[in-house]
Amino acid sequence: MLACFHGHLDVVQFLRSCGASWSSRDGSGSCALHWAAAGGHLPVLHHLMQDGCEVDVRDDASWTPLMIVSVMTGDTAVASLLITAGADVNVQDRDGKTPLMVRTQTVL
């Protein structure tokens, strides 16, 4: 997950070749795609999605990678890549908030 966050595509590819699972979770239920979105590394995100990561995977708070990027960085390139890959812009977390709602609350 740290390799995804820091953009080390070569390490991500190596770990996958050794059997790493994209469905592994950290203590908050985040997976590799959440971490890659938070780090903002487009090549890693693209690779993960091409290799079968579910674009709308949810963590323990029901946040998707699109929600993570909406709150943490607001990186439009990352958001655009996720949306192009099929991320649901109307998905709601456990509090009923969408990515746009959580972004607006972060900015205000």
PDB file of N, CA and C in Angstrom:
ATOM      1  N   MET A   1       0.820  -1.185   0.000  1.00  0.00           N
ATOM      2  CA  MET A   1       0.000   0.000   0.000  1.00  0.00           C
ATOM      3  C   MET A   1       0.866   1.251   0.000  1.00  0.00           C
ATOM      4  N   LEU A   2       1.962   1.204   0.733  1.00  0.00           N
ATOM      5  CA  LEU A   2       2.861   2.360   0.733  1.00  0.00           C
ATOM      6  C   LEU A   2       3.501   2.573  -0.627  1.00  0.00           C
ATOM      7  N   ALA A   3       3.807   1.499  -1.329  1.00  0.00           N
ATOM      8  CA  ALA A   3       4.361   1.632  -2.682  1.00  0.00           C
ATOM      9  C   ALA A   3       3.345   2.322  -3.584  1.00  0.00           C
ATOM     10  N   CYS A   4       2.069   2.033  -3.412  1.00  0.00           N
ATOM     11  CA  CYS A   4       1.016   2.688  -4.195  1.00  0.00           C
ATOM     12  C   CYS A   4       0.940   4.169  -3.852  1.00  0.00           C
ATOM     13  N   PHE A   5       0.981   4.489  -2.569  1.00  0.00           N
ATOM     14  CA  PHE A   5       0.895   5.881  -2.125  1.00  0.00           C
ATOM     15  C   PHE A   5       2.072   6.709  -2.634  1.00  0.00           C
ATOM     16  N   HIS A   6       3.259   6.116  -2.624  1.00  0.00           N
ATOM     17  CA  HIS A   6       4.463   6.851  -3.017  1.00  0.00           C
ATOM     18  C   HIS A   6       4.770   6.769  -4.507  1.00  0.00           C
ATOM     19  N   GLY A   7       3.946   6.046  -5.263  1.00  0.00           N
ATOM     20  CA  GLY A   7       4.099   6.017  -6.708  1.00  0.00           C
ATOM     21  C   GLY A   7       5.184   5.111  -7.241  1.00  0.00           C
ATOM     22  N   HIS A   8       5.544   4.094  -6.497  1.00  0.00           N
ATOM     23  CA  HIS A   8       6.598   3.166  -6.923  1.00  0.00           C
ATOM     24  C   HIS A   8       5.993   2.036  -7.760  1.00  0.00           C
ATOM     25  N   LEU A   9       5.720   2.349  -9.025  1.00  0.00           N
ATOM     26  CA  LEU A   9       5.066   1.389  -9.910  1.00  0.00           C
ATOM     27  C   LEU A   9       5.863   0.101 -10.047  1.00  0.00           C
ATOM     28  N   ASP A  10       7.180   0.212 -10.125  1.00  0.00           N
ATOM     29  CA  ASP A  10       8.005  -0.991 -10.258  1.00  0.00           C
ATOM     30  C   ASP A  10       7.846  -1.913  -9.051  1.00  0.00           C
ATOM     31  N   VAL A  11       7.762  -1.343  -7.872  1.00  0.00           N
ATOM     32  CA  VAL A  11       7.575  -2.139  -6.652  1.00  0.00           C
ATOM     33  C   VAL A  11       6.171  -2.752  -6.639  1.00  0.00           C
ATOM     34  N   VAL A  12       5.179  -1.964  -7.034  1.00  0.00           N
ATOM     35  CA  VAL A  12       3.799  -2.458  -7.102  1.00  0.00           C
ATOM     36  C   VAL A  12       3.720  -3.661  -8.040  1.00  0.00           C
ATOM     37  N   GLN A  13       4.329  -3.540  -9.212  1.00  0.00           N
ATOM     38  CA  GLN A  13       4.316  -4.637 -10.183  1.00  0.00           C
ATOM     39  C   GLN A  13       5.059  -5.863  -9.650  1.00  0.00           C
ATOM     40  N   PHE A  14       6.178  -5.630  -8.988  1.00  0.00           N
ATOM     41  CA  PHE A  14       6.937  -6.742  -8.422  1.00  0.00           C
ATOM     42  C   PHE A  14       6.128  -7.464  -7.346  1.00  0.00           C
ATOM     43  N   LEU A  15       5.531  -6.701  -6.439  1.00  0.00           N
ATOM     44  CA  LEU A  15       4.742  -7.314  -5.367  1.00  0.00           C
ATOM     45  C   LEU A  15       3.571  -8.115  -5.932  1.00  0.00           C
ATOM     46  N   ARG A  16       2.949  -7.588  -6.972  1.00  0.00           N
ATOM     47  CA  ARG A  16       1.835  -8.309  -7.599  1.00  0.00           C
ATOM     48  C   ARG A  16       2.327  -9.616  -8.221  1.00  0.00           C
ATOM     49  N   SER A  17       3.510  -9.565  -8.851  1.00  0.00           N
ATOM     50  CA  SER A  17       4.058 -10.783  -9.465  1.00  0.00           C
ATOM     51  C   SER A  17       4.399 -11.838  -8.413  1.00  0.00           C
ATOM     52  N   CYS A  18       4.579 -11.392  -7.172  1.00  0.00           N
ATOM     53  CA  CYS A  18       4.865 -12.315  -6.064  1.00  0.00           C
ATOM     54  C   CYS A  18       3.592 -12.763  -5.349  1.00  0.00           C
ATOM     55  N   GLY A  19       2.435 -12.352  -5.870  1.00  0.00           N
ATOM     56  CA  GLY A  19       1.177 -12.818  -5.306  1.00  0.00           C
ATOM     57  C   GLY A  19       0.423 -11.835  -4.437  1.00  0.00           C
ATOM     58  N   ALA A  20       0.862 -10.581  -4.375  1.00  0.00           N
ATOM     59  CA  ALA A  20       0.133  -9.589  -3.579  1.00  0.00           C
ATOM     60  C   ALA A  20      -1.298  -9.461  -4.095  1.00  0.00           C
ATOM     61  N   SER A  21      -2.223  -9.281  -3.179  1.00  0.00           N
ATOM     62  CA  SER A  21      -3.638  -9.184  -3.526  1.00  0.00           C
ATOM     63  C   SER A  21      -4.105  -7.739  -3.444  1.00  0.00           C
ATOM     64  N   TRP A  22      -4.857  -7.316  -4.459  1.00  0.00           N
ATOM     65  CA  TRP A  22      -5.410  -5.954  -4.432  1.00  0.00           C
ATOM     66  C   TRP A  22      -6.533  -5.838  -3.420  1.00  0.00           C
ATOM     67  N   SER A  23      -7.019  -6.935  -2.907  1.00  0.00           N
ATOM     68  CA  SER A  23      -8.112  -6.875  -1.938  1.00  0.00           C
ATOM     69  C   SER A  23      -7.619  -6.803  -0.491  1.00  0.00           C
ATOM     70  N   SER A  24      -6.310  -6.827  -0.272  1.00  0.00           N
ATOM     71  CA  SER A  24      -5.777  -6.680   1.093  1.00  0.00           C
ATOM     72  C   SER A  24      -6.179  -5.316   1.645  1.00  0.00           C
ATOM     73  N   ARG A  25      -6.431  -5.261   2.941  1.00  0.00           N
ATOM     74  CA  ARG A  25      -6.905  -4.029   3.593  1.00  0.00           C
ATOM     75  C   ARG A  25      -6.001  -3.639   4.749  1.00  0.00           C
ATOM     76  N   ASP A  26      -5.966  -2.328   5.022  1.00  0.00           N
ATOM     77  CA  ASP A  26      -5.255  -1.847   6.204  1.00  0.00           C
ATOM     78  C   ASP A  26      -6.247  -1.770   7.369  1.00  0.00           C
ATOM     79  N   GLY A  27      -5.852  -1.158   8.470  1.00  0.00           N
ATOM     80  CA  GLY A  27      -6.687  -1.099   9.663  1.00  0.00           C
ATOM     81  C   GLY A  27      -7.979  -0.325   9.500  1.00  0.00           C
ATOM     82  N   SER A  28      -8.048   0.564   8.505  1.00  0.00           N
ATOM     83  CA  SER A  28      -9.276   1.329   8.281  1.00  0.00           C
ATOM     84  C   SER A  28     -10.068   0.810   7.083  1.00  0.00           C
ATOM     85  N   GLY A  29      -9.640  -0.343   6.579  1.00  0.00           N
ATOM     86  CA  GLY A  29     -10.354  -0.947   5.464  1.00  0.00           C
ATOM     87  C   GLY A  29      -9.954  -0.432   4.099  1.00  0.00           C
ATOM     88  N   SER A  30      -8.930   0.412   4.055  1.00  0.00           N
ATOM     89  CA  SER A  30      -8.462   0.932   2.766  1.00  0.00           C
ATOM     90  C   SER A  30      -7.626  -0.119   2.054  1.00  0.00           C
ATOM     91  N   CYS A  31      -7.721  -0.116   0.730  1.00  0.00           N
ATOM     92  CA  CYS A  31      -6.935  -1.049  -0.072  1.00  0.00           C
ATOM     93  C   CYS A  31      -5.948  -0.266  -0.943  1.00  0.00           C
ATOM     94  N   ALA A  32      -5.250  -0.960  -1.798  1.00  0.00           N
ATOM     95  CA  ALA A  32      -4.208  -0.347  -2.625  1.00  0.00           C
ATOM     96  C   ALA A  32      -4.736   0.823  -3.451  1.00  0.00           C
ATOM     97  N   LEU A  33      -5.947   0.708  -3.989  1.00  0.00           N
ATOM     98  CA  LEU A  33      -6.483   1.782  -4.826  1.00  0.00           C
ATOM     99  C   LEU A  33      -6.775   3.041  -4.013  1.00  0.00           C
ATOM    100  N   HIS A  34      -7.231   2.893  -2.776  1.00  0.00           N
ATOM    101  CA  HIS A  34      -7.419   4.056  -1.899  1.00  0.00           C
ATOM    102  C   HIS A  34      -6.080   4.778  -1.698  1.00  0.00           C
ATOM    103  N   TRP A  35      -5.037   3.993  -1.420  1.00  0.00           N
ATOM    104  CA  TRP A  35      -3.722   4.575  -1.165  1.00  0.00           C
ATOM    105  C   TRP A  35      -3.146   5.235  -2.414  1.00  0.00           C
ATOM    106  N   ALA A  36      -3.328   4.613  -3.567  1.00  0.00           N
ATOM    107  CA  ALA A  36      -2.836   5.198  -4.817  1.00  0.00           C
ATOM    108  C   ALA A  36      -3.566   6.503  -5.126  1.00  0.00           C
ATOM    109  N   ALA A  37      -4.867   6.538  -4.881  1.00  0.00           N
ATOM    110  CA  ALA A  37      -5.637   7.763  -5.104  1.00  0.00           C
ATOM    111  C   ALA A  37      -5.165   8.870  -4.165  1.00  0.00           C
ATOM    112  N   ALA A  38      -4.919   8.523  -2.913  1.00  0.00           N
ATOM    113  CA  ALA A  38      -4.437   9.510  -1.944  1.00  0.00           C
ATOM    114  C   ALA A  38      -3.072  10.052  -2.341  1.00  0.00           C
ATOM    115  N   GLY A  39      -2.223   9.192  -2.880  1.00  0.00           N
ATOM    116  CA  GLY A  39      -0.895   9.622  -3.304  1.00  0.00           C
ATOM    117  C   GLY A  39      -0.890  10.379  -4.612  1.00  0.00           C
ATOM    118  N   GLY A  40      -1.929  10.190  -5.410  1.00  0.00           N
ATOM    119  CA  GLY A  40      -2.059  10.939  -6.649  1.00  0.00           C
ATOM    120  C   GLY A  40      -1.174  10.492  -7.793  1.00  0.00           C
ATOM    121  N   HIS A  41      -0.780   9.238  -7.787  1.00  0.00           N
ATOM    122  CA  HIS A  41       0.138   8.747  -8.822  1.00  0.00           C
ATOM    123  C   HIS A  41      -0.642   8.049  -9.933  1.00  0.00           C
ATOM    124  N   LEU A  42      -0.824   8.765 -11.042  1.00  0.00           N
ATOM    125  CA  LEU A  42      -1.640   8.267 -12.148  1.00  0.00           C
ATOM    126  C   LEU A  42      -1.159   6.941 -12.729  1.00  0.00           C
ATOM    127  N   PRO A  43       0.150   6.745 -12.951  1.00  0.00           N
ATOM    128  CA  PRO A  43       0.574   5.450 -13.501  1.00  0.00           C
ATOM    129  C   PRO A  43       0.213   4.270 -12.591  1.00  0.00           C
ATOM    130  N   VAL A  44       0.342   4.458 -11.291  1.00  0.00           N
ATOM    131  CA  VAL A  44      -0.009   3.384 -10.352  1.00  0.00           C
ATOM    132  C   VAL A  44      -1.520   3.144 -10.372  1.00  0.00           C
ATOM    133  N   LEU A  45      -2.293   4.217 -10.338  1.00  0.00           N
ATOM    134  CA  LEU A  45      -3.751   4.078 -10.403  1.00  0.00           C
ATOM    135  C   LEU A  45      -4.174   3.346 -11.670  1.00  0.00           C
ATOM    136  N   HIS A  46      -3.632   3.765 -12.789  1.00  0.00           N
ATOM    137  CA  HIS A  46      -3.970   3.144 -14.071  1.00  0.00           C
ATOM    138  C   HIS A  46      -3.626   1.652 -14.046  1.00  0.00           C
ATOM    139  N   HIS A  47      -2.441   1.331 -13.547  1.00  0.00           N
ATOM    140  CA  HIS A  47      -2.019  -0.069 -13.475  1.00  0.00           C
ATOM    141  C   HIS A  47      -2.963  -0.891 -12.594  1.00  0.00           C
ATOM    142  N   LEU A  48      -3.296  -0.372 -11.427  1.00  0.00           N
ATOM    143  CA  LEU A  48      -4.172  -1.106 -10.513  1.00  0.00           C
ATOM    144  C   LEU A  48      -5.530  -1.381 -11.152  1.00  0.00           C
ATOM    145  N   MET A  49      -6.086  -0.373 -11.805  1.00  0.00           N
ATOM    146  CA  MET A  49      -7.401  -0.558 -12.419  1.00  0.00           C
ATOM    147  C   MET A  49      -7.325  -1.503 -13.614  1.00  0.00           C
ATOM    148  N   GLN A  50      -6.257  -1.419 -14.391  1.00  0.00           N
ATOM    149  CA  GLN A  50      -6.070  -2.334 -15.520  1.00  0.00           C
ATOM    150  C   GLN A  50      -5.897  -3.771 -15.031  1.00  0.00           C
ATOM    151  N   ASP A  51      -5.372  -3.919 -13.825  1.00  0.00           N
ATOM    152  CA  ASP A  51      -5.117  -5.250 -13.274  1.00  0.00           C
ATOM    153  C   ASP A  51      -6.292  -5.775 -12.444  1.00  0.00           C
ATOM    154  N   GLY A  52      -7.419  -5.079 -12.494  1.00  0.00           N
ATOM    155  CA  GLY A  52      -8.623  -5.622 -11.888  1.00  0.00           C
ATOM    156  C   GLY A  52      -9.108  -5.010 -10.594  1.00  0.00           C
ATOM    157  N   CYS A  53      -8.472  -3.948 -10.105  1.00  0.00           N
ATOM    158  CA  CYS A  53      -8.979  -3.302  -8.892  1.00  0.00           C
ATOM    159  C   CYS A  53     -10.368  -2.725  -9.152  1.00  0.00           C
ATOM    160  N   GLU A  54     -11.255  -2.940  -8.223  1.00  0.00           N
ATOM    161  CA  GLU A  54     -12.606  -2.383  -8.317  1.00  0.00           C
ATOM    162  C   GLU A  54     -12.538  -0.884  -8.053  1.00  0.00           C
ATOM    163  N   VAL A  55     -13.016  -0.078  -8.992  1.00  0.00           N
ATOM    164  CA  VAL A  55     -12.868   1.371  -8.909  1.00  0.00           C
ATOM    165  C   VAL A  55     -13.690   1.982  -7.768  1.00  0.00           C
ATOM    166  N   ASP A  56     -14.802   1.361  -7.409  1.00  0.00           N
ATOM    167  CA  ASP A  56     -15.643   1.886  -6.331  1.00  0.00           C
ATOM    168  C   ASP A  56     -15.522   1.081  -5.038  1.00  0.00           C
ATOM    169  N   VAL A  57     -14.366   0.492  -4.809  1.00  0.00           N
ATOM    170  CA  VAL A  57     -14.130  -0.263  -3.587  1.00  0.00           C
ATOM    171  C   VAL A  57     -14.295   0.674  -2.383  1.00  0.00           C
ATOM    172  N   ARG A  58     -14.872   0.162  -1.308  1.00  0.00           N
ATOM    173  CA  ARG A  58     -15.159   0.998  -0.132  1.00  0.00           C
ATOM    174  C   ARG A  58     -14.301   0.592   1.061  1.00  0.00           C
ATOM    175  N   ASP A  59     -13.941   1.595   1.857  1.00  0.00           N
ATOM    176  CA  ASP A  59     -13.227   1.319   3.101  1.00  0.00           C
ATOM    177  C   ASP A  59     -14.251   1.182   4.234  1.00  0.00           C
ATOM    178  N   ASP A  60     -13.792   1.159   5.474  1.00  0.00           N
ATOM    179  CA  ASP A  60     -14.699   0.954   6.608  1.00  0.00           C
ATOM    180  C   ASP A  60     -15.702   2.090   6.802  1.00  0.00           C
ATOM    181  N   ALA A  61     -15.390   3.286   6.281  1.00  0.00           N
ATOM    182  CA  ALA A  61     -16.307   4.422   6.369  1.00  0.00           C
ATOM    183  C   ALA A  61     -17.189   4.521   5.123  1.00  0.00           C
ATOM    184  N   SER A  62     -17.101   3.493   4.271  1.00  0.00           N
ATOM    185  CA  SER A  62     -17.814   3.451   2.987  1.00  0.00           C
ATOM    186  C   SER A  62     -17.303   4.502   2.008  1.00  0.00           C
ATOM    187  N   TRP A  63     -16.044   4.894   2.159  1.00  0.00           N
ATOM    188  CA  TRP A  63     -15.440   5.844   1.228  1.00  0.00           C
ATOM    189  C   TRP A  63     -14.779   5.094   0.083  1.00  0.00           C
ATOM    190  N   THR A  64     -14.981   5.615  -1.115  1.00  0.00           N
ATOM    191  CA  THR A  64     -14.349   5.079  -2.313  1.00  0.00           C
ATOM    192  C   THR A  64     -13.059   5.863  -2.581  1.00  0.00           C
ATOM    193  N   PRO A  65     -12.211   5.387  -3.479  1.00  0.00           N
ATOM    194  CA  PRO A  65     -11.021   6.163  -3.842  1.00  0.00           C
ATOM    195  C   PRO A  65     -11.363   7.577  -4.328  1.00  0.00           C
ATOM    196  N   LEU A  66     -12.485   7.743  -5.038  1.00  0.00           N
ATOM    197  CA  LEU A  66     -12.888   9.082  -5.486  1.00  0.00           C
ATOM    198  C   LEU A  66     -13.168   9.989  -4.294  1.00  0.00           C
ATOM    199  N   MET A  67     -13.770   9.465  -3.250  1.00  0.00           N
ATOM    200  CA  MET A  67     -14.013  10.268  -2.048  1.00  0.00           C
ATOM    201  C   MET A  67     -12.695  10.635  -1.366  1.00  0.00           C
ATOM    202  N   ILE A  68     -11.766   9.687  -1.337  1.00  0.00           N
ATOM    203  CA  ILE A  68     -10.460   9.945  -0.721  1.00  0.00           C
ATOM    204  C   ILE A  68      -9.764  11.104  -1.422  1.00  0.00           C
ATOM    205  N   VAL A  69      -9.700  11.053  -2.756  1.00  0.00           N
ATOM    206  CA  VAL A  69      -9.027  12.128  -3.489  1.00  0.00           C
ATOM    207  C   VAL A  69      -9.802  13.437  -3.362  1.00  0.00           C
ATOM    208  N   SER A  70     -11.116  13.374  -3.272  1.00  0.00           N
ATOM    209  CA  SER A  70     -11.926  14.580  -3.109  1.00  0.00           C
ATOM    210  C   SER A  70     -11.582  15.304  -1.815  1.00  0.00           C
ATOM    211  N   VAL A  71     -11.357  14.560  -0.764  1.00  0.00           N
ATOM    212  CA  VAL A  71     -11.049  15.160   0.534  1.00  0.00           C
ATOM    213  C   VAL A  71      -9.575  15.526   0.669  1.00  0.00           C
ATOM    214  N   MET A  72      -8.693  14.612   0.292  1.00  0.00           N
ATOM    215  CA  MET A  72      -7.271  14.802   0.585  1.00  0.00           C
ATOM    216  C   MET A  72      -6.583  15.818  -0.315  1.00  0.00           C
ATOM    217  N   THR A  73      -6.817  15.734  -1.623  1.00  0.00           N
ATOM    218  CA  THR A  73      -6.029  16.574  -2.531  1.00  0.00           C
ATOM    219  C   THR A  73      -6.862  17.377  -3.508  1.00  0.00           C
ATOM    220  N   GLY A  74      -8.017  16.879  -3.860  1.00  0.00           N
ATOM    221  CA  GLY A  74      -8.809  17.541  -4.885  1.00  0.00           C
ATOM    222  C   GLY A  74      -8.164  17.469  -6.260  1.00  0.00           C
ATOM    223  N   ASP A  75      -7.251  16.537  -6.444  1.00  0.00           N
ATOM    224  CA  ASP A  75      -6.505  16.396  -7.700  1.00  0.00           C
ATOM    225  C   ASP A  75      -7.464  16.020  -8.831  1.00  0.00           C
ATOM    226  N   THR A  76      -7.673  16.958  -9.754  1.00  0.00           N
ATOM    227  CA  THR A  76      -8.642  16.729 -10.824  1.00  0.00           C
ATOM    228  C   THR A  76      -8.190  15.655 -11.807  1.00  0.00           C
ATOM    229  N   ALA A  77      -6.897  15.496 -12.010  1.00  0.00           N
ATOM    230  CA  ALA A  77      -6.406  14.451 -12.917  1.00  0.00           C
ATOM    231  C   ALA A  77      -6.718  13.067 -12.351  1.00  0.00           C
ATOM    232  N   VAL A  78      -6.526  12.899 -11.054  1.00  0.00           N
ATOM    233  CA  VAL A  78      -6.826  11.620 -10.405  1.00  0.00           C
ATOM    234  C   VAL A  78      -8.333  11.372 -10.428  1.00  0.00           C
ATOM    235  N   ALA A  79      -9.108  12.388 -10.067  1.00  0.00           N
ATOM    236  CA  ALA A  79     -10.565  12.248 -10.081  1.00  0.00           C
ATOM    237  C   ALA A  79     -11.059  11.909 -11.483  1.00  0.00           C
ATOM    238  N   SER A  80     -10.519  12.575 -12.476  1.00  0.00           N
ATOM    239  CA  SER A  80     -10.916  12.332 -13.861  1.00  0.00           C
ATOM    240  C   SER A  80     -10.603  10.902 -14.295  1.00  0.00           C
ATOM    241  N   LEU A  81      -9.423  10.409 -13.926  1.00  0.00           N
ATOM    242  CA  LEU A  81      -9.052   9.035 -14.262  1.00  0.00           C
ATOM    243  C   LEU A  81     -10.015   8.041 -13.615  1.00  0.00           C
ATOM    244  N   LEU A  82     -10.330   8.260 -12.351  1.00  0.00           N
ATOM    245  CA  LEU A  82     -11.259   7.366 -11.649  1.00  0.00           C
ATOM    246  C   LEU A  82     -12.649   7.401 -12.285  1.00  0.00           C
ATOM    247  N   ILE A  83     -13.117   8.597 -12.621  1.00  0.00           N
ATOM    248  CA  ILE A  83     -14.446   8.735 -13.226  1.00  0.00           C
ATOM    249  C   ILE A  83     -14.471   8.088 -14.606  1.00  0.00           C
ATOM    250  N   THR A  84     -13.421   8.311 -15.390  1.00  0.00           N
ATOM    251  CA  THR A  84     -13.331   7.690 -16.715  1.00  0.00           C
ATOM    252  C   THR A  84     -13.341   6.168 -16.605  1.00  0.00           C
ATOM    253  N   ALA A  85     -12.758   5.653 -15.529  1.00  0.00           N
ATOM    254  CA  ALA A  85     -12.720   4.202 -15.311  1.00  0.00           C
ATOM    255  C   ALA A  85     -14.038   3.661 -14.755  1.00  0.00           C
ATOM    256  N   GLY A  86     -14.995   4.559 -14.498  1.00  0.00           N
ATOM    257  CA  GLY A  86     -16.310   4.103 -14.059  1.00  0.00           C
ATOM    258  C   GLY A  86     -16.683   4.422 -12.625  1.00  0.00           C
ATOM    259  N   ALA A  87     -15.878   5.229 -11.931  1.00  0.00           N
ATOM    260  CA  ALA A  87     -16.220   5.582 -10.546  1.00  0.00           C
ATOM    261  C   ALA A  87     -17.579   6.286 -10.511  1.00  0.00           C
ATOM    262  N   ASP A  88     -18.379   5.915  -9.550  1.00  0.00           N
ATOM    263  CA  ASP A  88     -19.718   6.481  -9.395  1.00  0.00           C
ATOM    264  C   ASP A  88     -19.623   7.818  -8.665  1.00  0.00           C
ATOM    265  N   VAL A  89     -19.958   8.905  -9.352  1.00  0.00           N
ATOM    266  CA  VAL A  89     -19.869  10.233  -8.739  1.00  0.00           C
ATOM    267  C   VAL A  89     -21.005  10.476  -7.751  1.00  0.00           C
ATOM    268  N   ASN A  90     -22.015   9.626  -7.772  1.00  0.00           N
ATOM    269  CA  ASN A  90     -23.156   9.779  -6.871  1.00  0.00           C
ATOM    270  C   ASN A  90     -23.157   8.784  -5.720  1.00  0.00           C
ATOM    271  N   VAL A  91     -22.070   8.014  -5.586  1.00  0.00           N
ATOM    272  CA  VAL A  91     -21.975   7.049  -4.498  1.00  0.00           C
ATOM    273  C   VAL A  91     -22.045   7.796  -3.165  1.00  0.00           C
ATOM    274  N   GLN A  92     -22.636   7.168  -2.164  1.00  0.00           N
ATOM    275  CA  GLN A  92     -22.770   7.806  -0.856  1.00  0.00           C
ATOM    276  C   GLN A  92     -22.034   7.006   0.207  1.00  0.00           C
ATOM    277  N   ASP A  93     -21.421   7.732   1.138  1.00  0.00           N
ATOM    278  CA  ASP A  93     -20.771   7.064   2.265  1.00  0.00           C
ATOM    279  C   ASP A  93     -21.832   6.703   3.307  1.00  0.00           C
ATOM    280  N   ARG A  94     -21.397   6.213   4.442  1.00  0.00           N
ATOM    281  CA  ARG A  94     -22.377   5.765   5.446  1.00  0.00           C
ATOM    282  C   ARG A  94     -23.181   6.918   6.041  1.00  0.00           C
ATOM    283  N   ASP A  95     -22.715   8.168   5.822  1.00  0.00           N
ATOM    284  CA  ASP A  95     -23.456   9.340   6.283  1.00  0.00           C
ATOM    285  C   ASP A  95     -24.308   9.955   5.179  1.00  0.00           C
ATOM    286  N   GLY A  96     -24.349   9.301   4.019  1.00  0.00           N
ATOM    287  CA  GLY A  96     -25.152   9.791   2.907  1.00  0.00           C
ATOM    288  C   GLY A  96     -24.491  10.876   2.080  1.00  0.00           C
ATOM    289  N   LYS A  97     -23.182  11.062   2.245  1.00  0.00           N
ATOM    290  CA  LYS A  97     -22.469  12.116   1.517  1.00  0.00           C
ATOM    291  C   LYS A  97     -21.825  11.569   0.244  1.00  0.00           C
ATOM    292  N   THR A  98     -21.885  12.371  -0.813  1.00  0.00           N
ATOM    293  CA  THR A  98     -21.271  12.033  -2.094  1.00  0.00           C
ATOM    294  C   THR A  98     -19.858  12.625  -2.156  1.00  0.00           C
ATOM    295  N   PRO A  99     -19.062  12.258  -3.159  1.00  0.00           N
ATOM    296  CA  PRO A  99     -17.728  12.863  -3.297  1.00  0.00           C
ATOM    297  C   PRO A  99     -17.781  14.391  -3.377  1.00  0.00           C
ATOM    298  N   LEU A 100     -18.753  14.936  -4.093  1.00  0.00           N
ATOM    299  CA  LEU A 100     -18.877  16.390  -4.190  1.00  0.00           C
ATOM    300  C   LEU A 100     -19.175  17.005  -2.828  1.00  0.00           C
ATOM    301  N   MET A 101     -20.038  16.376  -2.068  1.00  0.00           N
ATOM    302  CA  MET A 101     -20.384  16.901  -0.748  1.00  0.00           C
ATOM    303  C   MET A 101     -19.175  16.904   0.185  1.00  0.00           C
ATOM    304  N   VAL A 102     -18.396  15.816   0.179  1.00  0.00           N
ATOM    305  CA  VAL A 102     -17.243  15.784   1.080  1.00  0.00           C
ATOM    306  C   VAL A 102     -16.172  16.769   0.625  1.00  0.00           C
ATOM    307  N   ARG A 103     -16.042  16.990  -0.682  1.00  0.00           N
ATOM    308  CA  ARG A 103     -15.072  17.971  -1.184  1.00  0.00           C
ATOM    309  C   ARG A 103     -15.486  19.378  -0.775  1.00  0.00           C
ATOM    310  N   THR A 104     -16.759  19.696  -0.909  1.00  0.00           N
ATOM    311  CA  THR A 104     -17.230  21.032  -0.568  1.00  0.00           C
ATOM    312  C   THR A 104     -17.036  21.315   0.913  1.00  0.00           C
ATOM    313  N   GLN A 105     -17.277  20.329   1.755  1.00  0.00           N
ATOM    314  CA  GLN A 105     -17.088  20.517   3.191  1.00  0.00           C
ATOM    315  C   GLN A 105     -15.620  20.706   3.534  1.00  0.00           C
ATOM    316  N   THR A 106     -14.731  20.101   2.750  1.00  0.00           N
ATOM    317  CA  THR A 106     -13.297  20.237   2.987  1.00  0.00           C
ATOM    318  C   THR A 106     -12.824  21.637   2.630  1.00  0.00           C
ATOM    319  N   VAL A 107     -13.331  22.179   1.538  1.00  0.00           N
ATOM    320  CA  VAL A 107     -12.894  23.479   1.039  1.00  0.00           C
ATOM    321  C   VAL A 107     -13.451  24.609   1.875  1.00  0.00           C
ATOM    322  N   LEU A 108     -14.678  24.464   2.351  1.00  0.00           N
ATOM    323  CA  LEU A 108     -15.319  25.553   3.097  1.00  0.00           C
ATOM    324  C   LEU A 108     -14.824  25.687   4.477  1.00  0.00           C
TER     325      LEU A 108
END
